[in-house]
PDB file of N, CA and C in Angstrom:
ATOM      1  N   MET A   1      -9.566 -25.415  -1.449  1.00  0.00           N
ATOM      2  CA  MET A   1      -9.078 -24.270  -1.148  1.00  0.00           C
ATOM      3  C   MET A   1      -8.359 -23.868   0.030  1.00  0.00           C
ATOM      4  N   ALA A   2      -7.322 -22.937  -0.058  1.00  0.00           N
ATOM      5  CA  ALA A   2      -6.533 -22.864   1.233  1.00  0.00           C
ATOM      6  C   ALA A   2      -7.287 -21.878   2.116  1.00  0.00           C
ATOM      7  N   ASP A   3      -6.996 -22.144   3.574  1.00  0.00           N
ATOM      8  CA  ASP A   3      -7.715 -21.288   4.374  1.00  0.00           C
ATOM      9  C   ASP A   3      -6.632 -19.949   4.621  1.00  0.00           C
ATOM     10  N   PRO A   4      -7.522 -18.747   4.348  1.00  0.00           N
ATOM     11  CA  PRO A   4      -6.928 -17.482   4.369  1.00  0.00           C
ATOM     12  C   PRO A   4      -6.420 -17.164   5.943  1.00  0.00           C
ATOM     13  N   GLU A   5      -6.737 -17.756   6.903  1.00  0.00           N
ATOM     14  CA  GLU A   5      -6.242 -17.289   8.267  1.00  0.00           C
ATOM     15  C   GLU A   5      -5.009 -18.260   8.365  1.00  0.00           C
ATOM     16  N   THR A   6      -4.757 -19.320   7.866  1.00  0.00           N
ATOM     17  CA  THR A   6      -3.494 -20.088   8.289  1.00  0.00           C
ATOM     18  C   THR A   6      -2.399 -19.879   7.181  1.00  0.00           C
ATOM     19  N   PRO A   7      -1.404 -19.076   7.601  1.00  0.00           N
ATOM     20  CA  PRO A   7      -0.025 -18.860   6.545  1.00  0.00           C
ATOM     21  C   PRO A   7       0.393 -20.177   6.025  1.00  0.00           C
ATOM     22  N   ALA A   8       0.932 -20.115   4.758  1.00  0.00           N
ATOM     23  CA  ALA A   8       1.685 -21.181   4.236  1.00  0.00           C
ATOM     24  C   ALA A   8       2.946 -21.597   4.821  1.00  0.00           C
ATOM     25  N   ALA A   9       3.339 -22.825   5.223  1.00  0.00           N
ATOM     26  CA  ALA A   9       4.503 -23.159   6.060  1.00  0.00           C
ATOM     27  C   ALA A   9       5.658 -22.746   5.168  1.00  0.00           C
ATOM     28  N   ASN A  10       5.679 -22.696   3.964  1.00  0.00           N
ATOM     29  CA  ASN A  10       6.883 -22.582   3.202  1.00  0.00           C
ATOM     30  C   ASN A  10       7.108 -21.171   3.011  1.00  0.00           C
ATOM     31  N   GLN A  11       6.207 -20.013   3.472  1.00  0.00           N
ATOM     32  CA  GLN A  11       6.276 -18.567   2.691  1.00  0.00           C
ATOM     33  C   GLN A  11       7.587 -17.957   3.369  1.00  0.00           C
ATOM     34  N   ALA A  12       8.080 -17.521   2.472  1.00  0.00           N
ATOM     35  CA  ALA A  12       9.416 -16.668   2.609  1.00  0.00           C
ATOM     36  C   ALA A  12       9.096 -15.298   3.385  1.00  0.00           C
ATOM     37  N   PRO A  13      10.081 -14.954   4.101  1.00  0.00           N
ATOM     38  CA  PRO A  13       9.909 -13.408   4.822  1.00  0.00           C
ATOM     39  C   PRO A  13       9.588 -12.374   4.000  1.00  0.00           C
ATOM     40  N   VAL A  14       8.740 -11.531   4.125  1.00  0.00           N
ATOM     41  CA  VAL A  14       8.165 -10.508   3.293  1.00  0.00           C
ATOM     42  C   VAL A  14       9.282  -9.299   3.683  1.00  0.00           C
ATOM     43  N   THR A  15       9.682  -8.553   2.646  1.00  0.00           N
ATOM     44  CA  THR A  15      10.314  -7.306   3.158  1.00  0.00           C
ATOM     45  C   THR A  15       9.610  -6.229   2.024  1.00  0.00           C
ATOM     46  N   ILE A  16       9.598  -4.976   2.749  1.00  0.00           N
ATOM     47  CA  ILE A  16       8.898  -3.879   2.060  1.00  0.00           C
ATOM     48  C   ILE A  16      10.081  -2.897   1.488  1.00  0.00           C
ATOM     49  N   SER A  17       9.969  -2.796  -0.084  1.00  0.00           N
ATOM     50  CA  SER A  17      10.900  -2.033  -0.524  1.00  0.00           C
ATOM     51  C   SER A  17      10.570  -0.409  -0.149  1.00  0.00           C
ATOM     52  N   GLY A  18      11.936   0.113   0.222  1.00  0.00           N
ATOM     53  CA  GLY A  18      11.719   1.519   0.542  1.00  0.00           C
ATOM     54  C   GLY A  18      11.771   2.425  -0.587  1.00  0.00           C
ATOM     55  N   SER A  19      11.928   1.899  -1.812  1.00  0.00           N
ATOM     56  CA  SER A  19      11.963   2.861  -3.162  1.00  0.00           C
ATOM     57  C   SER A  19      10.629   3.447  -3.470  1.00  0.00           C
ATOM     58  N   SER A  20       9.669   2.916  -2.891  1.00  0.00           N
ATOM     59  CA  SER A  20       8.413   3.387  -3.303  1.00  0.00           C
ATOM     60  C   SER A  20       7.557   4.079  -2.210  1.00  0.00           C
ATOM     61  N   SER A  21       8.065   4.140  -1.089  1.00  0.00           N
ATOM     62  CA  SER A  21       7.081   4.417   0.158  1.00  0.00           C
ATOM     63  C   SER A  21       6.917   6.133   0.041  1.00  0.00           C
ATOM     64  N   GLU A  22       7.888   6.848  -0.565  1.00  0.00           N
ATOM     65  CA  GLU A  22       7.578   8.351  -0.581  1.00  0.00           C
ATOM     66  C   GLU A  22       6.565   8.738  -1.542  1.00  0.00           C
ATOM     67  N   ARG A  23       6.023   7.702  -2.382  1.00  0.00           N
ATOM     68  CA  ARG A  23       5.073   7.906  -3.434  1.00  0.00           C
ATOM     69  C   ARG A  23       3.797   7.401  -2.961  1.00  0.00           C
ATOM     70  N   ALA A  24       3.790   6.661  -1.858  1.00  0.00           N
ATOM     71  CA  ALA A  24       2.505   5.860  -1.464  1.00  0.00           C
ATOM     72  C   ALA A  24       1.351   6.908  -1.191  1.00  0.00           C
ATOM     73  N   PRO A  25       0.276   6.830  -1.412  1.00  0.00           N
ATOM     74  CA  PRO A  25      -0.630   8.023  -0.925  1.00  0.00           C
ATOM     75  C   PRO A  25      -1.078   7.789   0.269  1.00  0.00           C
ATOM     76  N   ILE A  26      -1.266   8.903   1.080  1.00  0.00           N
ATOM     77  CA  ILE A  26      -1.937   8.697   2.251  1.00  0.00           C
ATOM     78  C   ILE A  26      -3.634   8.948   2.132  1.00  0.00           C
ATOM     79  N   VAL A  27      -4.343   7.905   2.734  1.00  0.00           N
ATOM     80  CA  VAL A  27      -5.706   7.985   2.577  1.00  0.00           C
ATOM     81  C   VAL A  27      -6.413   8.164   3.991  1.00  0.00           C
ATOM     82  N   TYR A  28      -7.025   9.175   3.873  1.00  0.00           N
ATOM     83  CA  TYR A  28      -7.942   9.862   5.276  1.00  0.00           C
ATOM     84  C   TYR A  28      -9.393   9.553   5.080  1.00  0.00           C
ATOM     85  N   PHE A  29     -10.112   8.944   6.000  1.00  0.00           N
ATOM     86  CA  PHE A  29     -11.405   9.006   5.809  1.00  0.00           C
ATOM     87  C   PHE A  29     -12.334   9.085   7.175  1.00  0.00           C
ATOM     88  N   ASP A  30     -13.266   9.259   7.236  1.00  0.00           N
ATOM     89  CA  ASP A  30     -14.196   9.784   8.301  1.00  0.00           C
ATOM     90  C   ASP A  30     -15.235   8.418   8.444  1.00  0.00           C
ATOM     91  N   ASN A  31     -15.487   7.543   7.402  1.00  0.00           N
ATOM     92  CA  ASN A  31     -16.387   6.512   7.570  1.00  0.00           C
ATOM     93  C   ASN A  31     -16.298   5.505   6.369  1.00  0.00           C
ATOM     94  N   VAL A  32     -17.155   4.506   6.633  1.00  0.00           N
ATOM     95  CA  VAL A  32     -17.036   3.408   5.550  1.00  0.00           C
ATOM     96  C   VAL A  32     -18.495   3.438   4.861  1.00  0.00           C
ATOM     97  N   SER A  33     -18.747   3.831   3.715  1.00  0.00           N
ATOM     98  CA  SER A  33     -19.988   4.247   3.218  1.00  0.00           C
ATOM     99  C   SER A  33     -20.693   2.638   2.744  1.00  0.00           C
ATOM    100  N   CYS A  34     -20.193   1.722   2.409  1.00  0.00           N
ATOM    101  CA  CYS A  34     -20.604   0.532   1.883  1.00  0.00           C
ATOM    102  C   CYS A  34     -19.562  -0.547   1.867  1.00  0.00           C
ATOM    103  N   PHE A  35     -19.853  -1.789   1.847  1.00  0.00           N
ATOM    104  CA  PHE A  35     -18.673  -2.897   1.688  1.00  0.00           C
ATOM    105  C   PHE A  35     -19.568  -4.351   1.144  1.00  0.00           C
ATOM    106  N   GLY A  36     -18.698  -5.105   0.502  1.00  0.00           N
ATOM    107  CA  GLY A  36     -19.213  -6.233   0.158  1.00  0.00           C
ATOM    108  C   GLY A  36     -18.100  -6.893  -0.481  1.00  0.00           C
ATOM    109  N   HIS A  37     -18.445  -8.032  -1.599  1.00  0.00           N
ATOM    110  CA  HIS A  37     -17.373  -8.754  -2.069  1.00  0.00           C
ATOM    111  C   HIS A  37     -17.933  -9.278  -3.466  1.00  0.00           C
ATOM    112  N   HIS A  38     -16.881  -9.531  -4.200  1.00  0.00           N
ATOM    113  CA  HIS A  38     -17.175  -9.975  -5.446  1.00  0.00           C
ATOM    114  C   HIS A  38     -16.127 -10.758  -6.258  1.00  0.00           C
ATOM    115  N   ASN A  39     -16.575 -11.885  -6.653  1.00  0.00           N
ATOM    116  CA  ASN A  39     -15.495 -12.919  -7.313  1.00  0.00           C
ATOM    117  C   ASN A  39     -14.120 -13.134  -6.339  1.00  0.00           C
ATOM    118  N   GLY A  40     -14.529 -13.179  -5.112  1.00  0.00           N
ATOM    119  CA  GLY A  40     -13.304 -13.706  -4.175  1.00  0.00           C
ATOM    120  C   GLY A  40     -12.700 -12.278  -3.667  1.00  0.00           C
ATOM    121  N   SER A  41     -13.283 -11.128  -4.072  1.00  0.00           N
ATOM    122  CA  SER A  41     -12.417  -9.720  -3.613  1.00  0.00           C
ATOM    123  C   SER A  41     -13.136  -9.042  -2.681  1.00  0.00           C
ATOM    124  N   ILE A  42     -12.648  -8.887  -1.531  1.00  0.00           N
ATOM    125  CA  ILE A  42     -13.335  -7.878  -0.539  1.00  0.00           C
ATOM    126  C   ILE A  42     -13.312  -6.466  -1.190  1.00  0.00           C
ATOM    127  N   GLN A  43     -14.499  -5.714  -1.017  1.00  0.00           N
ATOM    128  CA  GLN A  43     -14.688  -4.437  -1.484  1.00  0.00           C
ATOM    129  C   GLN A  43     -15.190  -3.592  -0.230  1.00  0.00           C
ATOM    130  N   ILE A  44     -14.637  -2.406  -0.053  1.00  0.00           N
ATOM    131  CA  ILE A  44     -14.823  -1.535   0.963  1.00  0.00           C
ATOM    132  C   ILE A  44     -14.824  -0.192   0.424  1.00  0.00           C
ATOM    133  N   GLU A  45     -15.823   0.885   0.613  1.00  0.00           N
ATOM    134  CA  GLU A  45     -15.568   2.101   0.112  1.00  0.00           C
ATOM    135  C   GLU A  45     -15.617   3.145   1.401  1.00  0.00           C
ATOM    136  N   LEU A  46     -14.600   4.008   1.341  1.00  0.00           N
ATOM    137  CA  LEU A  46     -14.261   4.810   2.226  1.00  0.00           C
ATOM    138  C   LEU A  46     -14.656   6.201   1.996  1.00  0.00           C
ATOM    139  N   VAL A  47     -15.292   7.092   3.023  1.00  0.00           N
ATOM    140  CA  VAL A  47     -15.748   8.263   2.616  1.00  0.00           C
ATOM    141  C   VAL A  47     -15.167   9.470   3.771  1.00  0.00           C
ATOM    142  N   THR A  48     -15.186  10.516   3.307  1.00  0.00           N
ATOM    143  CA  THR A  48     -14.802  11.786   4.192  1.00  0.00           C
ATOM    144  C   THR A  48     -15.788  12.864   4.127  1.00  0.00           C
ATOM    145  N   ASN A  49     -16.059  13.530   5.346  1.00  0.00           N
ATOM    146  CA  ASN A  49     -16.929  14.607   5.252  1.00  0.00           C
ATOM    147  C   ASN A  49     -16.237  15.792   4.726  1.00  0.00           C
ATOM    148  N   LEU A  50     -17.154  16.576   3.902  1.00  0.00           N
ATOM    149  CA  LEU A  50     -16.784  17.912   3.505  1.00  0.00           C
ATOM    150  C   LEU A  50     -17.688  18.879   3.858  1.00  0.00           C
ATOM    151  N   LEU A  51     -17.207  20.070   4.494  1.00  0.00           N
ATOM    152  CA  LEU A  51     -18.194  21.240   4.906  1.00  0.00           C
ATOM    153  C   LEU A  51     -18.224  22.049   3.833  1.00  0.00           C
ATOM    154  N   MET A  52     -19.665  22.423   3.435  1.00  0.00           N
ATOM    155  CA  MET A  52     -19.724  23.168   2.413  1.00  0.00           C
ATOM    156  C   MET A  52     -20.769  24.292   2.617  1.00  0.00           C
ATOM    157  N   PRO A  53     -20.336  25.402   2.645  1.00  0.00           N
ATOM    158  CA  PRO A  53     -21.227  26.721   3.063  1.00  0.00           C
ATOM    159  C   PRO A  53     -22.136  26.954   2.044  1.00  0.00           C
ATOM    160  N   VAL A  54     -23.247  27.056   2.736  1.00  0.00           N
ATOM    161  CA  VAL A  54     -24.701  27.157   2.082  1.00  0.00           C
ATOM    162  C   VAL A  54     -25.298  28.563   2.832  1.00  0.00           C
ATOM    163  N   GLY A  55     -25.147  29.948   2.124  1.00  0.00           N
ATOM    164  CA  GLY A  55     -25.590  30.896   2.836  1.00  0.00           C
ATOM    165  C   GLY A  55     -24.865  31.204   4.308  1.00  0.00           C
ATOM    166  N   ALA A  56     -25.759  31.193   5.242  1.00  0.00           N
ATOM    167  CA  ALA A  56     -25.253  31.398   6.472  1.00  0.00           C
ATOM    168  C   ALA A  56     -25.257  30.011   7.234  1.00  0.00           C
ATOM    169  N   ALA A  57     -25.504  28.745   6.505  1.00  0.00           N
ATOM    170  CA  ALA A  57     -25.419  27.449   7.085  1.00  0.00           C
ATOM    171  C   ALA A  57     -24.294  26.644   6.371  1.00  0.00           C
ATOM    172  N   VAL A  58     -24.375  25.388   7.147  1.00  0.00           N
ATOM    173  CA  VAL A  58     -23.070  24.665   6.394  1.00  0.00           C
ATOM    174  C   VAL A  58     -23.804  23.316   6.174  1.00  0.00           C
ATOM    175  N   ARG A  59     -23.430  22.737   5.035  1.00  0.00           N
ATOM    176  CA  ARG A  59     -24.009  21.455   4.550  1.00  0.00           C
ATOM    177  C   ARG A  59     -22.864  20.509   4.775  1.00  0.00           C
ATOM    178  N   VAL A  60     -23.014  19.268   4.980  1.00  0.00           N
ATOM    179  CA  VAL A  60     -21.918  18.301   5.280  1.00  0.00           C
ATOM    180  C   VAL A  60     -22.308  17.359   4.002  1.00  0.00           C
ATOM    181  N   ASP A  61     -21.184  17.270   3.074  1.00  0.00           N
ATOM    182  CA  ASP A  61     -21.183  16.122   2.025  1.00  0.00           C
ATOM    183  C   ASP A  61     -20.265  15.048   2.108  1.00  0.00           C
ATOM    184  N   LEU A  62     -20.664  13.899   1.716  1.00  0.00           N
ATOM    185  CA  LEU A  62     -19.557  12.976   1.743  1.00  0.00           C
ATOM    186  C   LEU A  62     -19.173  12.605   0.309  1.00  0.00           C
ATOM    187  N   VAL A  63     -17.863  12.544   0.422  1.00  0.00           N
ATOM    188  CA  VAL A  63     -17.223  12.151  -0.891  1.00  0.00           C
ATOM    189  C   VAL A  63     -16.269  10.957  -0.837  1.00  0.00           C
ATOM    190  N   GLN A  64     -16.207  10.136  -1.650  1.00  0.00           N
ATOM    191  CA  GLN A  64     -15.462   9.059  -1.583  1.00  0.00           C
ATOM    192  C   GLN A  64     -13.965   9.386  -1.628  1.00  0.00           C
ATOM    193  N   THR A  65     -13.295   8.652  -0.790  1.00  0.00           N
ATOM    194  CA  THR A  65     -11.839   8.868  -0.773  1.00  0.00           C
ATOM    195  C   THR A  65     -10.907   7.544  -1.210  1.00  0.00           C
ATOM    196  N   ALA A  66     -11.251   6.426  -1.242  1.00  0.00           N
ATOM    197  CA  ALA A  66     -10.724   5.260  -1.723  1.00  0.00           C
ATOM    198  C   ALA A  66     -11.686   4.317  -1.697  1.00  0.00           C
ATOM    199  N   HIS A  67     -11.367   3.390  -2.773  1.00  0.00           N
ATOM    200  CA  HIS A  67     -11.999   2.031  -2.960  1.00  0.00           C
ATOM    201  C   HIS A  67     -11.028   0.945  -2.684  1.00  0.00           C
ATOM    202  N   LEU A  68     -11.035   0.172  -1.525  1.00  0.00           N
ATOM    203  CA  LEU A  68     -10.270  -0.698  -1.007  1.00  0.00           C
ATOM    204  C   LEU A  68     -10.716  -2.030  -1.532  1.00  0.00           C
ATOM    205  N   ARG A  69      -9.938  -2.678  -2.266  1.00  0.00           N
ATOM    206  CA  ARG A  69     -10.112  -4.110  -2.840  1.00  0.00           C
ATOM    207  C   ARG A  69      -8.934  -5.082  -2.417  1.00  0.00           C
ATOM    208  N   CYS A  70      -9.190  -6.283  -1.731  1.00  0.00           N
ATOM    209  CA  CYS A  70      -8.069  -7.040  -1.131  1.00  0.00           C
ATOM    210  C   CYS A  70      -8.851  -8.354  -1.288  1.00  0.00           C
ATOM    211  N   ASN A  71      -7.827  -9.503  -1.099  1.00  0.00           N
ATOM    212  CA  ASN A  71      -8.353 -11.102  -0.973  1.00  0.00           C
ATOM    213  C   ASN A  71      -8.658 -10.948   0.586  1.00  0.00           C
ATOM    214  N   PRO A  72      -9.154 -12.209   0.862  1.00  0.00           N
ATOM    215  CA  PRO A  72      -9.598 -12.482   2.147  1.00  0.00           C
ATOM    216  C   PRO A  72      -8.456 -12.332   3.378  1.00  0.00           C
ATOM    217  N   ALA A  73      -7.217 -12.907   2.834  1.00  0.00           N
ATOM    218  CA  ALA A  73      -6.245 -12.984   3.668  1.00  0.00           C
ATOM    219  C   ALA A  73      -5.724 -11.522   3.988  1.00  0.00           C
ATOM    220  N   ALA A  74      -5.714 -10.567   3.037  1.00  0.00           N
ATOM    221  CA  ALA A  74      -5.243  -9.351   3.245  1.00  0.00           C
ATOM    222  C   ALA A  74      -6.204  -8.648   4.191  1.00  0.00           C
ATOM    223  N   ALA A  75      -7.731  -8.700   4.026  1.00  0.00           N
ATOM    224  CA  ALA A  75      -8.456  -8.194   4.836  1.00  0.00           C
ATOM    225  C   ALA A  75      -8.384  -8.529   6.235  1.00  0.00           C
ATOM    226  N   LEU A  76      -8.157 -10.017   6.140  1.00  0.00           N
ATOM    227  CA  LEU A  76      -7.758 -10.236   7.956  1.00  0.00           C
ATOM    228  C   LEU A  76      -6.739  -9.636   8.382  1.00  0.00           C
ATOM    229  N   ALA A  77      -5.702  -9.260   7.661  1.00  0.00           N
ATOM    230  CA  ALA A  77      -4.339  -8.719   7.924  1.00  0.00           C
ATOM    231  C   ALA A  77      -4.646  -7.466   8.741  1.00  0.00           C
ATOM    232  N   LEU A  78      -5.375  -6.658   7.585  1.00  0.00           N
ATOM    233  CA  LEU A  78      -6.055  -5.396   7.822  1.00  0.00           C
ATOM    234  C   LEU A  78      -6.637  -5.237   9.305  1.00  0.00           C
ATOM    235  N   ARG A  79      -7.394  -5.976   9.227  1.00  0.00           N
ATOM    236  CA  ARG A  79      -8.325  -6.067  10.631  1.00  0.00           C
ATOM    237  C   ARG A  79      -7.535  -6.455  11.847  1.00  0.00           C
ATOM    238  N   GLU A  80      -6.485  -7.434  11.842  1.00  0.00           N
ATOM    239  CA  GLU A  80      -5.864  -7.544  12.804  1.00  0.00           C
ATOM    240  C   GLU A  80      -4.927  -6.272  13.119  1.00  0.00           C
ATOM    241  N   ALA A  81      -4.231  -5.761  12.082  1.00  0.00           N
ATOM    242  CA  ALA A  81      -3.478  -4.361  12.349  1.00  0.00           C
ATOM    243  C   ALA A  81      -4.604  -3.163  12.805  1.00  0.00           C
ATOM    244  N   LEU A  82      -5.692  -3.097  12.380  1.00  0.00           N
ATOM    245  CA  LEU A  82      -6.678  -2.273  13.152  1.00  0.00           C
ATOM    246  C   LEU A  82      -6.982  -2.514  14.617  1.00  0.00           C
ATOM    247  N   ASP A  83      -7.354  -3.926  14.750  1.00  0.00           N
ATOM    248  CA  ASP A  83      -7.468  -4.028  16.325  1.00  0.00           C
ATOM    249  C   ASP A  83      -6.392  -3.701  16.977  1.00  0.00           C
ATOM    250  N   LYS A  84      -4.937  -4.278  16.667  1.00  0.00           N
ATOM    251  CA  LYS A  84      -3.984  -3.903  17.274  1.00  0.00           C
ATOM    252  C   LYS A  84      -3.643  -2.360  17.582  1.00  0.00           C
ATOM    253  N   ALA A  85      -3.922  -1.491  16.523  1.00  0.00           N
ATOM    254  CA  ALA A  85      -3.770  -0.071  16.633  1.00  0.00           C
ATOM    255  C   ALA A  85      -4.824   0.594  17.528  1.00  0.00           C
ATOM    256  N   LEU A  86      -6.092  -0.036  17.540  1.00  0.00           N
ATOM    257  CA  LEU A  86      -6.994   0.269  18.491  1.00  0.00           C
ATOM    258  C   LEU A  86      -6.741   0.118  19.986  1.00  0.00           C
ATOM    259  N   ALA A  87      -6.161  -1.182  20.323  1.00  0.00           N
ATOM    260  CA  ALA A  87      -5.740  -1.470  21.501  1.00  0.00           C
ATOM    261  C   ALA A  87      -4.433  -0.673  21.933  1.00  0.00           C
ATOM    262  N   MET A  88      -3.514  -0.184  21.074  1.00  0.00           N
ATOM    263  CA  MET A  88      -2.521   0.646  21.607  1.00  0.00           C
ATOM    264  C   MET A  88      -3.336   2.191  21.931  1.00  0.00           C
ATOM    265  N   PHE A  89      -4.199   2.595  21.099  1.00  0.00           N
ATOM    266  CA  PHE A  89      -4.741   3.777  21.340  1.00  0.00           C
ATOM    267  C   PHE A  89      -5.355   4.003  22.597  1.00  0.00           C
ATOM    268  N   ARG A  90      -6.206   2.729  23.062  1.00  0.00           N
ATOM    269  CA  ARG A  90      -7.065   2.477  24.296  1.00  0.00           C
ATOM    270  C   ARG A  90      -6.024   2.745  25.549  1.00  0.00           C
ATOM    271  N   GLN A  91      -4.922   1.885  25.268  1.00  0.00           N
ATOM    272  CA  GLN A  91      -3.936   1.834  26.451  1.00  0.00           C
ATOM    273  C   GLN A  91      -2.783   3.215  26.395  1.00  0.00           C
ATOM    274  N   GLY A  92      -3.176   4.101  25.492  1.00  0.00           N
ATOM    275  CA  GLY A  92      -2.052   5.338  25.437  1.00  0.00           C
ATOM    276  C   GLY A  92      -0.673   4.912  25.319  1.00  0.00           C
ATOM    277  N   GLN A  93      -0.452   3.956  24.566  1.00  0.00           N
ATOM    278  CA  GLN A  93       0.898   3.797  24.201  1.00  0.00           C
ATOM    279  C   GLN A  93       1.502   4.263  22.882  1.00  0.00           C
ATOM    280  N   GLN A  94       2.635   4.316  22.568  1.00  0.00           N
ATOM    281  CA  GLN A  94       3.306   4.683  21.455  1.00  0.00           C
ATOM    282  C   GLN A  94       3.714   3.512  21.071  1.00  0.00           C
ATOM    283  N   PRO A  95       3.892   3.497  19.660  1.00  0.00           N
ATOM    284  CA  PRO A  95       4.534   2.152  18.944  1.00  0.00           C
ATOM    285  C   PRO A  95       5.698   1.671  19.279  1.00  0.00           C
ATOM    286  N   ALA A  96       6.336   0.529  19.398  1.00  0.00           N
ATOM    287  CA  ALA A  96       7.497   0.205  20.134  1.00  0.00           C
ATOM    288  C   ALA A  96       8.594   0.665  18.947  1.00  0.00           C
ATOM    289  N   ASP A  97       8.382   0.498  17.972  1.00  0.00           N
ATOM    290  CA  ASP A  97       9.384   0.923  16.706  1.00  0.00           C
ATOM    291  C   ASP A  97       8.691   2.320  16.164  1.00  0.00           C
ATOM    292  N   ALA A  98       9.189   3.319  16.772  1.00  0.00           N
ATOM    293  CA  ALA A  98       8.909   4.497  16.370  1.00  0.00           C
ATOM    294  C   ALA A  98       9.679   4.875  14.888  1.00  0.00           C
ATOM    295  N   ILE A  99       8.972   5.569  13.906  1.00  0.00           N
ATOM    296  CA  ILE A  99       9.636   5.843  12.897  1.00  0.00           C
ATOM    297  C   ILE A  99      10.344   7.099  12.832  1.00  0.00           C
ATOM    298  N   PRO A 100      11.974   6.911  12.573  1.00  0.00           N
ATOM    299  CA  PRO A 100      12.709   8.042  13.014  1.00  0.00           C
ATOM    300  C   PRO A 100      12.517   9.122  11.857  1.00  0.00           C
ATOM    301  N   VAL A 101      12.622  10.407  12.406  1.00  0.00           N
ATOM    302  CA  VAL A 101      12.557  11.671  11.525  1.00  0.00           C
ATOM    303  C   VAL A 101      13.578  11.678  10.839  1.00  0.00           C
ATOM    304  N   VAL A 102      13.542  11.868   9.530  1.00  0.00           N
ATOM    305  CA  VAL A 102      14.854  11.836   8.515  1.00  0.00           C
ATOM    306  C   VAL A 102      14.749  13.295   7.993  1.00  0.00           C
ATOM    307  N   LYS A 103      15.933  14.031   8.242  1.00  0.00           N
ATOM    308  CA  LYS A 103      15.976  15.495   7.677  1.00  0.00           C
ATOM    309  C   LYS A 103      16.788  15.698   6.577  1.00  0.00           C
ATOM    310  N   ASN A 104      16.591  16.115   5.532  1.00  0.00           N
ATOM    311  CA  ASN A 104      17.453  16.215   4.289  1.00  0.00           C
ATOM    312  C   ASN A 104      18.275  17.447   4.473  1.00  0.00           C
TER     313      ASN A 104
END
Protein backbone atom coordinates (compact mmCIF):
# COMPACT_ATOMS: atom_id res chain seq x y z
CA MET A 1 0.00 0.00 0.00
CA ALA A 2 1.36 3.44 -0.92
CA ASP A 3 2.25 5.90 1.82
CA PRO A 4 -0.29 8.78 1.65
CA GLU A 5 2.35 11.22 2.97
CA THR A 6 4.74 10.54 0.08
CA PRO A 7 3.65 11.86 -3.33
CA ALA A 8 4.27 9.63 -6.33
CA ALA A 9 7.39 10.62 -8.27
CA ASN A 10 5.58 10.56 -11.61
CA GLN A 11 2.58 12.74 -10.66
CA ALA A 12 1.67 15.37 -13.24
CA PRO A 13 1.09 18.95 -12.05
CA VAL A 14 -2.53 19.52 -11.07
CA THR A 15 -4.50 22.48 -12.37
CA ILE A 16 -7.87 23.56 -11.05
CA SER A 17 -10.56 24.28 -13.61
CA GLY A 18 -12.01 27.75 -13.26
CA SER A 19 -15.25 26.71 -14.94
CA SER A 20 -16.80 25.31 -11.76
CA SER A 21 -15.47 27.68 -9.11
CA GLU A 22 -18.52 29.96 -9.09
CA ARG A 23 -20.76 26.98 -8.31
CA ALA A 24 -18.66 25.62 -5.44
CA PRO A 25 -20.42 25.95 -2.07
CA ILE A 26 -18.96 27.96 0.78
CA VAL A 27 -19.11 25.91 3.96
CA TYR A 28 -19.07 27.77 7.26
CA PHE A 29 -18.85 25.87 10.54
CA ASP A 30 -18.32 26.60 14.21
CA ASN A 31 -17.17 23.19 15.37
CA VAL A 32 -16.62 19.53 14.55
CA SER A 33 -19.31 17.31 16.06
CA CYS A 34 -17.60 13.98 15.42
CA PHE A 35 -15.08 12.20 13.24
CA GLY A 36 -13.96 8.72 12.31
CA HIS A 37 -13.08 6.47 9.39
CA HIS A 38 -14.78 3.75 7.42
CA ASN A 39 -13.40 1.56 4.62
CA GLY A 40 -10.33 3.76 4.21
CA SER A 41 -12.31 7.02 4.08
CA ILE A 42 -11.84 9.79 6.63
CA GLN A 43 -15.18 11.11 7.93
CA ILE A 44 -15.66 14.50 9.63
CA GLU A 45 -18.99 16.10 10.55
CA LEU A 46 -19.12 19.91 10.72
CA VAL A 47 -21.70 21.88 12.73
CA THR A 48 -22.70 25.49 13.22
CA ASN A 49 -24.57 27.27 16.01
CA LEU A 50 -28.09 28.58 15.49
CA LEU A 51 -29.56 31.03 17.96
CA MET A 52 -33.23 30.22 18.56
CA PRO A 53 -35.45 32.60 20.55
CA VAL A 54 -37.39 30.91 23.32
CA GLY A 55 -39.58 33.49 25.01
CA ALA A 56 -37.23 36.08 26.53
CA ALA A 57 -34.28 33.65 26.38
CA VAL A 58 -32.12 32.27 23.60
CA ARG A 59 -31.39 28.61 22.95
CA VAL A 60 -28.32 27.49 20.99
CA ASP A 61 -29.01 24.67 18.55
CA LEU A 62 -26.31 22.85 16.61
CA VAL A 63 -27.01 21.91 13.00
CA GLN A 64 -24.77 19.94 10.69
CA THR A 65 -23.48 22.02 7.80
CA ALA A 66 -21.28 19.47 6.03
CA HIS A 67 -20.21 15.84 5.94
CA LEU A 68 -16.53 15.76 4.88
CA ARG A 69 -15.32 12.56 3.27
CA CYS A 70 -11.82 12.10 1.87
CA ASN A 71 -8.94 9.68 1.51
CA PRO A 72 -6.00 9.88 3.95
CA ALA A 73 -3.81 11.81 1.48
CA ALA A 74 -6.49 14.48 1.07
CA ALA A 75 -6.94 14.65 4.87
CA LEU A 76 -3.19 15.26 5.24
CA ALA A 77 -3.32 17.99 2.58
CA LEU A 78 -6.27 19.63 4.39
CA ARG A 79 -4.44 19.46 7.71
CA GLU A 80 -1.33 21.04 6.14
CA ALA A 81 -3.41 23.84 4.59
CA LEU A 82 -5.16 24.52 7.91
CA ASP A 83 -1.83 24.56 9.79
CA LYS A 84 -0.38 27.05 7.29
CA ALA A 85 -3.51 29.25 7.35
CA LEU A 86 -3.43 29.33 11.16
CA ALA A 87 0.27 30.24 11.12
CA MET A 88 -0.51 33.12 8.72
CA PHE A 89 -3.36 34.23 11.00
CA ARG A 90 -1.06 34.23 14.05
CA GLN A 91 1.52 36.33 12.20
CA GLY A 92 -1.09 38.76 10.88
CA GLN A 93 0.03 38.24 7.29
CA GLN A 94 -2.06 38.35 4.16
CA PRO A 95 -1.79 35.58 1.58
CA ALA A 96 1.05 36.22 -0.87
CA ASP A 97 -1.20 35.70 -3.89
CA ALA A 98 -4.30 37.70 -3.07
CA ILE A 99 -7.32 36.84 -5.15
CA PRO A 100 -8.06 39.77 -7.46
CA VAL A 101 -11.46 41.41 -7.31
CA VAL A 102 -13.31 40.98 -10.60
CA LYS A 103 -16.11 43.37 -11.44
CA ASN A 104 -18.58 42.60 -14.21
